[in-house]
Amino acid sequence: MRIFFYILLAIVAFLFCGCQDETKFQELSGVYNNSFNKHGISFGRVYIDYLGNSQLDFHIETAHASGCSGLLSGVAKINTNGIAEFSDFDCGSLIFSFSHKKVEVDEKDCDHHGMRCYFTGVYEK
């Protein structure tokens, strides 16, 4: 009976400690490719590594056949809705929304690429 009590206590602690969020966020880590990569006109890739404590390390790169390119690395903070956001002096915001082995990236006022290159788009794992 005592073992049952400890198992039950461990389950309750797991459910209320936010540990399930840590496991869910760890699944975000990986390499995501933009669907334009298949056509050879544009290239885009995002590398994501979950750091823990609702933070992820990212590296995003983009290029276009016209010759422009861009890249940006940083640490984004995941909010309570599961959306990660990054901003710095040269980038108003970079927002990462995750669903079904995909990440949708939305940029606002980001100067880390040429005029014909964009980070905005859907990237698949």
PDB file of N, CA and C in Angstrom:
ATOM      1  N   MET A   1       0.824  -1.192   0.000  1.00  0.00           N
ATOM      2  CA  MET A   1       0.000   0.000   0.000  1.00  0.00           C
ATOM      3  C   MET A   1       0.871   1.260   0.000  1.00  0.00           C
ATOM      4  N   ARG A   2       1.971   1.210   0.711  1.00  0.00           N
ATOM      5  CA  ARG A   2       2.859   2.364   0.788  1.00  0.00           C
ATOM      6  C   ARG A   2       3.478   2.669  -0.585  1.00  0.00           C
ATOM      7  N   ILE A   3       3.820   1.631  -1.342  1.00  0.00           N
ATOM      8  CA  ILE A   3       4.382   1.824  -2.676  1.00  0.00           C
ATOM      9  C   ILE A   3       3.353   2.505  -3.578  1.00  0.00           C
ATOM     10  N   PHE A   4       2.108   2.080  -3.501  1.00  0.00           N
ATOM     11  CA  PHE A   4       1.041   2.700  -4.276  1.00  0.00           C
ATOM     12  C   PHE A   4       0.949   4.193  -3.967  1.00  0.00           C
ATOM     13  N   PHE A   5       1.057   4.547  -2.707  1.00  0.00           N
ATOM     14  CA  PHE A   5       0.991   5.945  -2.297  1.00  0.00           C
ATOM     15  C   PHE A   5       2.128   6.752  -2.926  1.00  0.00           C
ATOM     16  N   TYR A   6       3.343   6.215  -2.923  1.00  0.00           N
ATOM     17  CA  TYR A   6       4.489   6.922  -3.493  1.00  0.00           C
ATOM     18  C   TYR A   6       4.381   7.056  -5.017  1.00  0.00           C
ATOM     19  N   ILE A   7       3.851   6.033  -5.656  1.00  0.00           N
ATOM     20  CA  ILE A   7       3.644   6.114  -7.100  1.00  0.00           C
ATOM     21  C   ILE A   7       2.611   7.186  -7.423  1.00  0.00           C
ATOM     22  N   LEU A   8       1.525   7.197  -6.683  1.00  0.00           N
ATOM     23  CA  LEU A   8       0.492   8.208  -6.875  1.00  0.00           C
ATOM     24  C   LEU A   8       1.050   9.608  -6.622  1.00  0.00           C
ATOM     25  N   LEU A   9       1.839   9.760  -5.588  1.00  0.00           N
ATOM     26  CA  LEU A   9       2.453  11.046  -5.273  1.00  0.00           C
ATOM     27  C   LEU A   9       3.386  11.502  -6.402  1.00  0.00           C
ATOM     28  N   ALA A  10       4.145  10.587  -6.965  1.00  0.00           N
ATOM     29  CA  ALA A  10       5.053  10.917  -8.070  1.00  0.00           C
ATOM     30  C   ALA A  10       4.274  11.354  -9.308  1.00  0.00           C
ATOM     31  N   ILE A  11       3.169  10.690  -9.595  1.00  0.00           N
ATOM     32  CA  ILE A  11       2.338  11.055 -10.748  1.00  0.00           C
ATOM     33  C   ILE A  11       1.754  12.446 -10.564  1.00  0.00           C
ATOM     34  N   VAL A  12       1.237  12.737  -9.397  1.00  0.00           N
ATOM     35  CA  VAL A  12       0.662  14.055  -9.114  1.00  0.00           C
ATOM     36  C   VAL A  12       1.742  15.131  -9.225  1.00  0.00           C
ATOM     37  N   ALA A  13       2.921  14.865  -8.694  1.00  0.00           N
ATOM     38  CA  ALA A  13       4.016  15.836  -8.768  1.00  0.00           C
ATOM     39  C   ALA A  13       4.396  16.097 -10.224  1.00  0.00           C
ATOM     40  N   PHE A  14       4.434  15.055 -11.032  1.00  0.00           N
ATOM     41  CA  PHE A  14       4.763  15.198 -12.449  1.00  0.00           C
ATOM     42  C   PHE A  14       3.731  16.059 -13.170  1.00  0.00           C
ATOM     43  N   LEU A  15       2.466  15.823 -12.897  1.00  0.00           N
ATOM     44  CA  LEU A  15       1.397  16.555 -13.575  1.00  0.00           C
ATOM     45  C   LEU A  15       1.362  18.027 -13.208  1.00  0.00           C
ATOM     46  N   PHE A  16       1.746  18.363 -11.991  1.00  0.00           N
ATOM     47  CA  PHE A  16       1.648  19.745 -11.549  1.00  0.00           C
ATOM     48  C   PHE A  16       2.964  20.514 -11.572  1.00  0.00           C
ATOM     49  N   CYS A  17       4.060  19.864 -11.899  1.00  0.00           N
ATOM     50  CA  CYS A  17       5.350  20.564 -11.888  1.00  0.00           C
ATOM     51  C   CYS A  17       5.679  21.217 -13.222  1.00  0.00           C
ATOM     52  N   GLY A  18       4.902  20.937 -14.264  1.00  0.00           N
ATOM     53  CA  GLY A  18       5.215  21.475 -15.581  1.00  0.00           C
ATOM     54  C   GLY A  18       6.196  20.599 -16.338  1.00  0.00           C
ATOM     55  N   CYS A  19       6.528  19.437 -15.816  1.00  0.00           N
ATOM     56  CA  CYS A  19       7.484  18.545 -16.462  1.00  0.00           C
ATOM     57  C   CYS A  19       6.989  18.088 -17.830  1.00  0.00           C
ATOM     58  N   GLN A  20       5.669  17.938 -17.967  1.00  0.00           N
ATOM     59  CA  GLN A  20       5.150  17.517 -19.255  1.00  0.00           C
ATOM     60  C   GLN A  20       5.431  18.572 -20.320  1.00  0.00           C
ATOM     61  N   ASP A  21       5.472  19.852 -19.952  1.00  0.00           N
ATOM     62  CA  ASP A  21       5.825  20.906 -20.899  1.00  0.00           C
ATOM     63  C   ASP A  21       7.270  20.757 -21.345  1.00  0.00           C
ATOM     64  N   GLU A  22       8.160  20.417 -20.425  1.00  0.00           N
ATOM     65  CA  GLU A  22       9.569  20.227 -20.775  1.00  0.00           C
ATOM     66  C   GLU A  22       9.703  19.127 -21.819  1.00  0.00           C
ATOM     67  N   THR A  23       8.990  18.009 -21.626  1.00  0.00           N
ATOM     68  CA  THR A  23       9.048  16.909 -22.581  1.00  0.00           C
ATOM     69  C   THR A  23       8.493  17.350 -23.927  1.00  0.00           C
ATOM     70  N   LYS A  24       7.380  18.061 -23.911  1.00  0.00           N
ATOM     71  CA  LYS A  24       6.758  18.545 -25.146  1.00  0.00           C
ATOM     72  C   LYS A  24       7.698  19.500 -25.880  1.00  0.00           C
ATOM     73  N   PHE A  25       8.326  20.397 -25.160  1.00  0.00           N
ATOM     74  CA  PHE A  25       9.222  21.368 -25.785  1.00  0.00           C
ATOM     75  C   PHE A  25      10.487  20.707 -26.326  1.00  0.00           C
ATOM     76  N   GLN A  26      10.971  19.646 -25.672  1.00  0.00           N
ATOM     77  CA  GLN A  26      12.156  18.943 -26.165  1.00  0.00           C
ATOM     78  C   GLN A  26      11.908  18.367 -27.554  1.00  0.00           C
ATOM     79  N   GLU A  27      10.657  18.000 -27.829  1.00  0.00           N
ATOM     80  CA  GLU A  27      10.308  17.443 -29.137  1.00  0.00           C
ATOM     81  C   GLU A  27      10.405  18.480 -30.256  1.00  0.00           C
ATOM     82  N   LEU A  28      10.510  19.753 -29.913  1.00  0.00           N
ATOM     83  CA  LEU A  28      10.641  20.806 -30.919  1.00  0.00           C
ATOM     84  C   LEU A  28      12.031  20.827 -31.540  1.00  0.00           C
ATOM     85  N   SER A  29      13.024  20.295 -30.837  1.00  0.00           N
ATOM     86  CA  SER A  29      14.400  20.306 -31.340  1.00  0.00           C
ATOM     87  C   SER A  29      14.494  19.558 -32.661  1.00  0.00           C
ATOM     88  N   GLY A  30      15.308  20.090 -33.565  1.00  0.00           N
ATOM     89  CA  GLY A  30      15.518  19.422 -34.841  1.00  0.00           C
ATOM     90  C   GLY A  30      15.823  20.409 -35.946  1.00  0.00           C
ATOM     91  N   VAL A  31      15.847  19.887 -37.159  1.00  0.00           N
ATOM     92  CA  VAL A  31      16.113  20.684 -38.352  1.00  0.00           C
ATOM     93  C   VAL A  31      14.823  20.769 -39.159  1.00  0.00           C
ATOM     94  N   TYR A  32      14.459  21.983 -39.530  1.00  0.00           N
ATOM     95  CA  TYR A  32      13.245  22.239 -40.295  1.00  0.00           C
ATOM     96  C   TYR A  32      13.635  22.887 -41.625  1.00  0.00           C
ATOM     97  N   ASN A  33      13.060  22.404 -42.726  1.00  0.00           N
ATOM     98  CA  ASN A  33      13.359  22.927 -44.057  1.00  0.00           C
ATOM     99  C   ASN A  33      12.149  23.628 -44.653  1.00  0.00           C
ATOM    100  N   ASN A  34      12.401  24.713 -45.360  1.00  0.00           N
ATOM    101  CA  ASN A  34      11.340  25.435 -46.042  1.00  0.00           C
ATOM    102  C   ASN A  34      10.918  24.652 -47.278  1.00  0.00           C
ATOM    103  N   SER A  35       9.635  24.655 -47.603  1.00  0.00           N
ATOM    104  CA  SER A  35       9.135  23.906 -48.756  1.00  0.00           C
ATOM    105  C   SER A  35       9.700  24.442 -50.073  1.00  0.00           C
ATOM    106  N   PHE A  36      10.154  25.696 -50.103  1.00  0.00           N
ATOM    107  CA  PHE A  36      10.755  26.252 -51.315  1.00  0.00           C
ATOM    108  C   PHE A  36      12.068  25.557 -51.665  1.00  0.00           C
ATOM    109  N   ASN A  37      12.684  24.870 -50.724  1.00  0.00           N
ATOM    110  CA  ASN A  37      13.948  24.178 -50.992  1.00  0.00           C
ATOM    111  C   ASN A  37      13.798  23.193 -52.152  1.00  0.00           C
ATOM    112  N   LYS A  38      12.602  22.626 -52.322  1.00  0.00           N
ATOM    113  CA  LYS A  38      12.371  21.609 -53.351  1.00  0.00           C
ATOM    114  C   LYS A  38      12.418  22.192 -54.762  1.00  0.00           C
ATOM    115  N   HIS A  39      12.185  23.483 -54.909  1.00  0.00           N
ATOM    116  CA  HIS A  39      12.081  24.097 -56.225  1.00  0.00           C
ATOM    117  C   HIS A  39      13.382  24.748 -56.695  1.00  0.00           C
ATOM    118  N   GLY A  40      14.356  24.903 -55.830  1.00  0.00           N
ATOM    119  CA  GLY A  40      15.656  25.435 -56.205  1.00  0.00           C
ATOM    120  C   GLY A  40      15.739  26.945 -56.361  1.00  0.00           C
ATOM    121  N   ILE A  41      14.645  27.655 -56.137  1.00  0.00           N
ATOM    122  CA  ILE A  41      14.660  29.113 -56.272  1.00  0.00           C
ATOM    123  C   ILE A  41      15.103  29.764 -54.971  1.00  0.00           C
ATOM    124  N   SER A  42      14.591  29.259 -53.890  1.00  0.00           N
ATOM    125  CA  SER A  42      14.907  29.789 -52.563  1.00  0.00           C
ATOM    126  C   SER A  42      15.351  28.654 -51.660  1.00  0.00           C
ATOM    127  N   PHE A  43      15.997  29.036 -50.584  1.00  0.00           N
ATOM    128  CA  PHE A  43      16.456  28.063 -49.594  1.00  0.00           C
ATOM    129  C   PHE A  43      16.159  28.627 -48.217  1.00  0.00           C
ATOM    130  N   GLY A  44      15.692  27.785 -47.333  1.00  0.00           N
ATOM    131  CA  GLY A  44      15.479  28.204 -45.956  1.00  0.00           C
ATOM    132  C   GLY A  44      15.580  27.018 -45.022  1.00  0.00           C
ATOM    133  N   ARG A  45      16.224  27.232 -43.890  1.00  0.00           N
ATOM    134  CA  ARG A  45      16.382  26.147 -42.917  1.00  0.00           C
ATOM    135  C   ARG A  45      16.434  26.756 -41.524  1.00  0.00           C
ATOM    136  N   VAL A  46      15.827  26.043 -40.566  1.00  0.00           N
ATOM    137  CA  VAL A  46      15.857  26.451 -39.160  1.00  0.00           C
ATOM    138  C   VAL A  46      16.378  25.277 -38.342  1.00  0.00           C
ATOM    139  N   TYR A  47      17.378  25.542 -37.514  1.00  0.00           N
ATOM    140  CA  TYR A  47      17.893  24.570 -36.555  1.00  0.00           C
ATOM    141  C   TYR A  47      17.396  25.003 -35.181  1.00  0.00           C
ATOM    142  N   ILE A  48      16.765  24.081 -34.462  1.00  0.00           N
ATOM    143  CA  ILE A  48      16.225  24.414 -33.148  1.00  0.00           C
ATOM    144  C   ILE A  48      16.727  23.407 -32.128  1.00  0.00           C
ATOM    145  N   ASP A  49      17.157  23.934 -30.985  1.00  0.00           N
ATOM    146  CA  ASP A  49      17.604  23.100 -29.877  1.00  0.00           C
ATOM    147  C   ASP A  49      16.949  23.630 -28.607  1.00  0.00           C
ATOM    148  N   TYR A  50      16.103  22.809 -27.980  1.00  0.00           N
ATOM    149  CA  TYR A  50      15.438  23.241 -26.748  1.00  0.00           C
ATOM    150  C   TYR A  50      16.451  23.244 -25.607  1.00  0.00           C
ATOM    151  N   LEU A  51      16.578  24.381 -24.935  1.00  0.00           N
ATOM    152  CA  LEU A  51      17.567  24.552 -23.867  1.00  0.00           C
ATOM    153  C   LEU A  51      17.021  24.230 -22.484  1.00  0.00           C
ATOM    154  N   GLY A  52      15.708  24.159 -22.346  1.00  0.00           N
ATOM    155  CA  GLY A  52      15.082  24.028 -21.030  1.00  0.00           C
ATOM    156  C   GLY A  52      14.602  25.386 -20.564  1.00  0.00           C
ATOM    157  N   ASN A  53      13.845  25.387 -19.493  1.00  0.00           N
ATOM    158  CA  ASN A  53      13.351  26.631 -18.906  1.00  0.00           C
ATOM    159  C   ASN A  53      12.619  27.513 -19.930  1.00  0.00           C
ATOM    160  N   SER A  54      11.839  26.872 -20.811  1.00  0.00           N
ATOM    161  CA  SER A  54      11.040  27.563 -21.837  1.00  0.00           C
ATOM    162  C   SER A  54      11.873  28.447 -22.759  1.00  0.00           C
ATOM    163  N   GLN A  55      13.080  27.993 -23.086  1.00  0.00           N
ATOM    164  CA  GLN A  55      13.939  28.724 -24.017  1.00  0.00           C
ATOM    165  C   GLN A  55      14.457  27.775 -25.084  1.00  0.00           C
ATOM    166  N   LEU A  56      14.548  28.283 -26.312  1.00  0.00           N
ATOM    167  CA  LEU A  56      15.133  27.479 -27.372  1.00  0.00           C
ATOM    168  C   LEU A  56      16.195  28.281 -28.109  1.00  0.00           C
ATOM    169  N   ASP A  57      17.241  27.580 -28.461  1.00  0.00           N
ATOM    170  CA  ASP A  57      18.325  28.141 -29.251  1.00  0.00           C
ATOM    171  C   ASP A  57      17.961  27.899 -30.716  1.00  0.00           C
ATOM    172  N   PHE A  58      18.107  28.906 -31.560  1.00  0.00           N
ATOM    173  CA  PHE A  58      17.765  28.727 -32.966  1.00  0.00           C
ATOM    174  C   PHE A  58      18.852  29.310 -33.856  1.00  0.00           C
ATOM    175  N   HIS A  59      18.899  28.785 -35.050  1.00  0.00           N
ATOM    176  CA  HIS A  59      19.748  29.298 -36.122  1.00  0.00           C
ATOM    177  C   HIS A  59      18.892  29.207 -37.378  1.00  0.00           C
ATOM    178  N   ILE A  60      18.612  30.331 -38.009  1.00  0.00           N
ATOM    179  CA  ILE A  60      17.786  30.346 -39.212  1.00  0.00           C
ATOM    180  C   ILE A  60      18.596  30.943 -40.347  1.00  0.00           C
ATOM    181  N   GLU A  61      18.473  30.331 -41.521  1.00  0.00           N
ATOM    182  CA  GLU A  61      19.202  30.823 -42.679  1.00  0.00           C
ATOM    183  C   GLU A  61      18.284  30.803 -43.897  1.00  0.00           C
ATOM    184  N   THR A  62      18.521  31.744 -44.791  1.00  0.00           N
ATOM    185  CA  THR A  62      17.718  31.858 -45.999  1.00  0.00           C
ATOM    186  C   THR A  62      18.610  32.320 -47.144  1.00  0.00           C
ATOM    187  N   ALA A  63      18.233  31.956 -48.356  1.00  0.00           N
ATOM    188  CA  ALA A  63      18.960  32.396 -49.547  1.00  0.00           C
ATOM    189  C   ALA A  63      17.995  32.362 -50.728  1.00  0.00           C
ATOM    190  N   HIS A  64      18.321  33.131 -51.749  1.00  0.00           N
ATOM    191  CA  HIS A  64      17.489  33.217 -52.942  1.00  0.00           C
ATOM    192  C   HIS A  64      18.402  33.127 -54.155  1.00  0.00           C
ATOM    193  N   ALA A  65      17.884  32.618 -55.265  1.00  0.00           N
ATOM    194  CA  ALA A  65      18.670  32.474 -56.490  1.00  0.00           C
ATOM    195  C   ALA A  65      19.211  33.811 -56.987  1.00  0.00           C
ATOM    196  N   SER A  66      18.604  34.908 -56.580  1.00  0.00           N
ATOM    197  CA  SER A  66      19.065  36.241 -56.988  1.00  0.00           C
ATOM    198  C   SER A  66      20.397  36.623 -56.347  1.00  0.00           C
ATOM    199  N   GLY A  67      20.827  35.853 -55.341  1.00  0.00           N
ATOM    200  CA  GLY A  67      22.114  36.116 -54.705  1.00  0.00           C
ATOM    201  C   GLY A  67      22.027  36.641 -53.290  1.00  0.00           C
ATOM    202  N   CYS A  68      20.852  36.999 -52.822  1.00  0.00           N
ATOM    203  CA  CYS A  68      20.761  37.498 -51.446  1.00  0.00           C
ATOM    204  C   CYS A  68      20.742  36.329 -50.466  1.00  0.00           C
ATOM    205  N   SER A  69      21.139  36.615 -49.259  1.00  0.00           N
ATOM    206  CA  SER A  69      21.127  35.591 -48.216  1.00  0.00           C
ATOM    207  C   SER A  69      20.984  36.261 -46.861  1.00  0.00           C
ATOM    208  N   GLY A  70      20.715  35.451 -45.868  1.00  0.00           N
ATOM    209  CA  GLY A  70      20.606  35.977 -44.516  1.00  0.00           C
ATOM    210  C   GLY A  70      20.680  34.867 -43.499  1.00  0.00           C
ATOM    211  N   LEU A  71      21.113  35.225 -42.314  1.00  0.00           N
ATOM    212  CA  LEU A  71      21.119  34.263 -41.220  1.00  0.00           C
ATOM    213  C   LEU A  71      21.019  35.000 -39.903  1.00  0.00           C
ATOM    214  N   LEU A  72      20.503  34.280 -38.935  1.00  0.00           N
ATOM    215  CA  LEU A  72      20.300  34.850 -37.608  1.00  0.00           C
ATOM    216  C   LEU A  72      20.311  33.715 -36.603  1.00  0.00           C
ATOM    217  N   SER A  73      20.976  33.927 -35.492  1.00  0.00           N
ATOM    218  CA  SER A  73      21.000  32.966 -34.393  1.00  0.00           C
ATOM    219  C   SER A  73      20.630  33.687 -33.114  1.00  0.00           C
ATOM    220  N   GLY A  74      20.033  32.954 -32.191  1.00  0.00           N
ATOM    221  CA  GLY A  74      19.678  33.564 -30.920  1.00  0.00           C
ATOM    222  C   GLY A  74      18.932  32.605 -30.022  1.00  0.00           C
ATOM    223  N   VAL A  75      18.428  33.141 -28.942  1.00  0.00           N
ATOM    224  CA  VAL A  75      17.638  32.371 -27.981  1.00  0.00           C
ATOM    225  C   VAL A  75      16.254  33.001 -27.919  1.00  0.00           C
ATOM    226  N   ALA A  76      15.237  32.185 -28.172  1.00  0.00           N
ATOM    227  CA  ALA A  76      13.850  32.649 -28.134  1.00  0.00           C
ATOM    228  C   ALA A  76      13.183  32.114 -26.873  1.00  0.00           C
ATOM    229  N   LYS A  77      12.286  32.890 -26.329  1.00  0.00           N
ATOM    230  CA  LYS A  77      11.553  32.525 -25.113  1.00  0.00           C
ATOM    231  C   LYS A  77      10.170  32.016 -25.510  1.00  0.00           C
ATOM    232  N   ILE A  78       9.778  30.865 -24.955  1.00  0.00           N
ATOM    233  CA  ILE A  78       8.471  30.277 -25.237  1.00  0.00           C
ATOM    234  C   ILE A  78       7.469  30.802 -24.225  1.00  0.00           C
ATOM    235  N   ASN A  79       6.359  31.366 -24.733  1.00  0.00           N
ATOM    236  CA  ASN A  79       5.336  31.905 -23.828  1.00  0.00           C
ATOM    237  C   ASN A  79       4.346  30.814 -23.406  1.00  0.00           C
ATOM    238  N   THR A  80       3.351  31.177 -22.627  1.00  0.00           N
ATOM    239  CA  THR A  80       2.398  30.198 -22.092  1.00  0.00           C
ATOM    240  C   THR A  80       1.534  29.567 -23.177  1.00  0.00           C
ATOM    241  N   ASN A  81       1.471  30.167 -24.361  1.00  0.00           N
ATOM    242  CA  ASN A  81       0.716  29.593 -25.477  1.00  0.00           C
ATOM    243  C   ASN A  81       1.565  28.658 -26.336  1.00  0.00           C
ATOM    244  N   GLY A  82       2.830  28.456 -25.965  1.00  0.00           N
ATOM    245  CA  GLY A  82       3.719  27.587 -26.724  1.00  0.00           C
ATOM    246  C   GLY A  82       4.347  28.255 -27.933  1.00  0.00           C
ATOM    247  N   ILE A  83       4.244  29.568 -28.016  1.00  0.00           N
ATOM    248  CA  ILE A  83       4.825  30.330 -29.123  1.00  0.00           C
ATOM    249  C   ILE A  83       6.138  30.945 -28.650  1.00  0.00           C
ATOM    250  N   ALA A  84       7.184  30.785 -29.462  1.00  0.00           N
ATOM    251  CA  ALA A  84       8.500  31.321 -29.097  1.00  0.00           C
ATOM    252  C   ALA A  84       8.719  32.648 -29.808  1.00  0.00           C
ATOM    253  N   GLU A  85       9.335  33.600 -29.099  1.00  0.00           N
ATOM    254  CA  GLU A  85       9.577  34.917 -29.683  1.00  0.00           C
ATOM    255  C   GLU A  85      11.000  35.374 -29.389  1.00  0.00           C
ATOM    256  N   PHE A  86      11.592  36.003 -30.405  1.00  0.00           N
ATOM    257  CA  PHE A  86      12.936  36.564 -30.309  1.00  0.00           C
ATOM    258  C   PHE A  86      12.884  37.996 -30.820  1.00  0.00           C
ATOM    259  N   SER A  87      13.666  38.864 -30.223  1.00  0.00           N
ATOM    260  CA  SER A  87      13.859  40.211 -30.767  1.00  0.00           C
ATOM    261  C   SER A  87      15.232  40.714 -30.341  1.00  0.00           C
ATOM    262  N   ASP A  88      15.798  41.588 -31.170  1.00  0.00           N
ATOM    263  CA  ASP A  88      17.046  42.260 -30.827  1.00  0.00           C
ATOM    264  C   ASP A  88      17.067  43.618 -31.522  1.00  0.00           C
ATOM    265  N   PHE A  89      18.182  44.303 -31.479  1.00  0.00           N
ATOM    266  CA  PHE A  89      18.292  45.656 -32.010  1.00  0.00           C
ATOM    267  C   PHE A  89      17.939  45.729 -33.497  1.00  0.00           C
ATOM    268  N   ASP A  90      18.364  44.725 -34.272  1.00  0.00           N
ATOM    269  CA  ASP A  90      18.143  44.729 -35.720  1.00  0.00           C
ATOM    270  C   ASP A  90      16.961  43.881 -36.169  1.00  0.00           C
ATOM    271  N   CYS A  91      16.217  43.346 -35.224  1.00  0.00           N
ATOM    272  CA  CYS A  91      15.081  42.490 -35.573  1.00  0.00           C
ATOM    273  C   CYS A  91      13.951  42.767 -34.590  1.00  0.00           C
ATOM    274  N   GLY A  92      12.901  43.428 -35.077  1.00  0.00           N
ATOM    275  CA  GLY A  92      11.766  43.752 -34.206  1.00  0.00           C
ATOM    276  C   GLY A  92      11.213  42.521 -33.522  1.00  0.00           C
ATOM    277  N   SER A  93      10.924  41.476 -34.302  1.00  0.00           N
ATOM    278  CA  SER A  93      10.503  40.209 -33.700  1.00  0.00           C
ATOM    279  C   SER A  93      10.583  39.090 -34.722  1.00  0.00           C
ATOM    280  N   LEU A  94      10.862  37.927 -34.219  1.00  0.00           N
ATOM    281  CA  LEU A  94      10.837  36.688 -34.974  1.00  0.00           C
ATOM    282  C   LEU A  94      10.002  35.741 -34.128  1.00  0.00           C
ATOM    283  N   ILE A  95       8.865  35.306 -34.668  1.00  0.00           N
ATOM    284  CA  ILE A  95       7.923  34.489 -33.905  1.00  0.00           C
ATOM    285  C   ILE A  95       7.890  33.089 -34.498  1.00  0.00           C
ATOM    286  N   PHE A  96       7.997  32.074 -33.635  1.00  0.00           N
ATOM    287  CA  PHE A  96       7.982  30.673 -34.025  1.00  0.00           C
ATOM    288  C   PHE A  96       6.711  30.025 -33.473  1.00  0.00           C
ATOM    289  N   SER A  97       5.843  29.546 -34.372  1.00  0.00           N
ATOM    290  CA  SER A  97       4.617  28.847 -33.976  1.00  0.00           C
ATOM    291  C   SER A  97       4.732  27.402 -34.449  1.00  0.00           C
ATOM    292  N   PHE A  98       4.618  26.461 -33.530  1.00  0.00           N
ATOM    293  CA  PHE A  98       4.839  25.048 -33.815  1.00  0.00           C
ATOM    294  C   PHE A  98       3.528  24.274 -33.918  1.00  0.00           C
ATOM    295  N   SER A  99       3.475  23.333 -34.888  1.00  0.00           N
ATOM    296  CA  SER A  99       2.354  22.397 -34.984  1.00  0.00           C
ATOM    297  C   SER A  99       2.723  21.246 -35.912  1.00  0.00           C
ATOM    298  N   HIS A 100       2.452  20.038 -35.497  1.00  0.00           N
ATOM    299  CA  HIS A 100       2.588  18.831 -36.326  1.00  0.00           C
ATOM    300  C   HIS A 100       3.894  18.768 -37.120  1.00  0.00           C
ATOM    301  N   LYS A 101       5.015  18.803 -36.441  1.00  0.00           N
ATOM    302  CA  LYS A 101       6.344  18.714 -37.054  1.00  0.00           C
ATOM    303  C   LYS A 101       6.619  19.844 -38.041  1.00  0.00           C
ATOM    304  N   LYS A 102       5.986  20.982 -37.809  1.00  0.00           N
ATOM    305  CA  LYS A 102       6.211  22.168 -38.626  1.00  0.00           C
ATOM    306  C   LYS A 102       6.417  23.356 -37.704  1.00  0.00           C
ATOM    307  N   VAL A 103       7.122  24.339 -38.213  1.00  0.00           N
ATOM    308  CA  VAL A 103       7.236  25.612 -37.503  1.00  0.00           C
ATOM    309  C   VAL A 103       6.941  26.719 -38.516  1.00  0.00           C
ATOM    310  N   GLU A 104       6.044  27.605 -38.135  1.00  0.00           N
ATOM    311  CA  GLU A 104       5.758  28.775 -38.953  1.00  0.00           C
ATOM    312  C   GLU A 104       6.516  29.946 -38.350  1.00  0.00           C
ATOM    313  N   VAL A 105       7.325  30.584 -39.174  1.00  0.00           N
ATOM    314  CA  VAL A 105       8.135  31.717 -38.729  1.00  0.00           C
ATOM    315  C   VAL A 105       7.530  32.991 -39.307  1.00  0.00           C
ATOM    316  N   ASP A 106       7.344  33.978 -38.453  1.00  0.00           N
ATOM    317  CA  ASP A 106       6.823  35.277 -38.873  1.00  0.00           C
ATOM    318  C   ASP A 106       7.795  36.344 -38.384  1.00  0.00           C
ATOM    319  N   GLU A 107       8.278  37.150 -39.294  1.00  0.00           N
ATOM    320  CA  GLU A 107       9.241  38.193 -38.924  1.00  0.00           C
ATOM    321  C   GLU A 107       8.627  39.576 -39.076  1.00  0.00           C
ATOM    322  N   LYS A 108       9.076  40.467 -38.230  1.00  0.00           N
ATOM    323  CA  LYS A 108       8.667  41.872 -38.291  1.00  0.00           C
ATOM    324  C   LYS A 108       9.927  42.727 -38.163  1.00  0.00           C
ATOM    325  N   ASP A 109      10.174  43.565 -39.153  1.00  0.00           N
ATOM    326  CA  ASP A 109      11.296  44.513 -39.125  1.00  0.00           C
ATOM    327  C   ASP A 109      12.630  43.842 -38.807  1.00  0.00           C
ATOM    328  N   CYS A 110      12.943  42.802 -39.562  1.00  0.00           N
ATOM    329  CA  CYS A 110      14.179  42.053 -39.331  1.00  0.00           C
ATOM    330  C   CYS A 110      15.168  42.380 -40.454  1.00  0.00           C
ATOM    331  N   ASP A 111      16.331  42.892 -40.109  1.00  0.00           N
ATOM    332  CA  ASP A 111      17.319  43.340 -41.086  1.00  0.00           C
ATOM    333  C   ASP A 111      18.481  42.366 -41.273  1.00  0.00           C
ATOM    334  N   HIS A 112      18.293  41.114 -40.958  1.00  0.00           N
ATOM    335  CA  HIS A 112      19.393  40.147 -41.017  1.00  0.00           C
ATOM    336  C   HIS A 112      19.450  39.395 -42.345  1.00  0.00           C
ATOM    337  N   HIS A 113      18.882  39.964 -43.418  1.00  0.00           N
ATOM    338  CA  HIS A 113      18.906  39.318 -44.726  1.00  0.00           C
ATOM    339  C   HIS A 113      18.751  40.377 -45.809  1.00  0.00           C
ATOM    340  N   GLY A 114      18.978  39.959 -47.067  1.00  0.00           N
ATOM    341  CA  GLY A 114      18.813  40.870 -48.195  1.00  0.00           C
ATOM    342  C   GLY A 114      17.346  41.155 -48.487  1.00  0.00           C
ATOM    343  N   MET A 115      17.119  42.055 -49.452  1.00  0.00           N
ATOM    344  CA  MET A 115      15.757  42.510 -49.730  1.00  0.00           C
ATOM    345  C   MET A 115      14.862  41.434 -50.333  1.00  0.00           C
ATOM    346  N   ARG A 116      15.413  40.463 -51.047  1.00  0.00           N
ATOM    347  CA  ARG A 116      14.582  39.423 -51.666  1.00  0.00           C
ATOM    348  C   ARG A 116      14.556  38.140 -50.849  1.00  0.00           C
ATOM    349  N   CYS A 117      15.154  38.151 -49.694  1.00  0.00           N
ATOM    350  CA  CYS A 117      15.184  36.976 -48.821  1.00  0.00           C
ATOM    351  C   CYS A 117      14.332  37.247 -47.590  1.00  0.00           C
ATOM    352  N   TYR A 118      13.666  36.220 -47.145  1.00  0.00           N
ATOM    353  CA  TYR A 118      12.799  36.365 -45.976  1.00  0.00           C
ATOM    354  C   TYR A 118      12.948  35.155 -45.067  1.00  0.00           C
ATOM    355  N   PHE A 119      12.780  35.379 -43.781  1.00  0.00           N
ATOM    356  CA  PHE A 119      12.707  34.270 -42.829  1.00  0.00           C
ATOM    357  C   PHE A 119      11.273  33.758 -42.717  1.00  0.00           C
ATOM    358  N   THR A 120      10.302  34.620 -43.013  1.00  0.00           N
ATOM    359  CA  THR A 120       8.894  34.249 -42.904  1.00  0.00           C
ATOM    360  C   THR A 120       8.593  33.046 -43.784  1.00  0.00           C
ATOM    361  N   GLY A 121       7.864  32.078 -43.224  1.00  0.00           N
ATOM    362  CA  GLY A 121       7.470  30.904 -43.993  1.00  0.00           C
ATOM    363  C   GLY A 121       7.203  29.717 -43.097  1.00  0.00           C
ATOM    364  N   VAL A 122       6.833  28.617 -43.732  1.00  0.00           N
ATOM    365  CA  VAL A 122       6.575  27.364 -43.023  1.00  0.00           C
ATOM    366  C   VAL A 122       7.740  26.424 -43.299  1.00  0.00           C
ATOM    367  N   TYR A 123       8.280  25.871 -42.236  1.00  0.00           N
ATOM    368  CA  TYR A 123       9.418  24.958 -42.310  1.00  0.00           C
ATOM    369  C   TYR A 123       8.983  23.612 -41.733  1.00  0.00           C
ATOM    370  N   GLU A 124       9.356  22.512 -42.419  1.00  0.00           N
ATOM    371  CA  GLU A 124       8.945  21.172 -42.006  1.00  0.00           C
ATOM    372  C   GLU A 124      10.131  20.362 -41.513  1.00  0.00           C
ATOM    373  N   LYS A 125       9.877  19.552 -40.492  1.00  0.00           N
ATOM    374  CA  LYS A 125      10.907  18.686 -39.924  1.00  0.00           C
ATOM    375  C   LYS A 125      11.175  17.523 -40.854  1.00  0.00           C
TER     376      LYS A 125
END
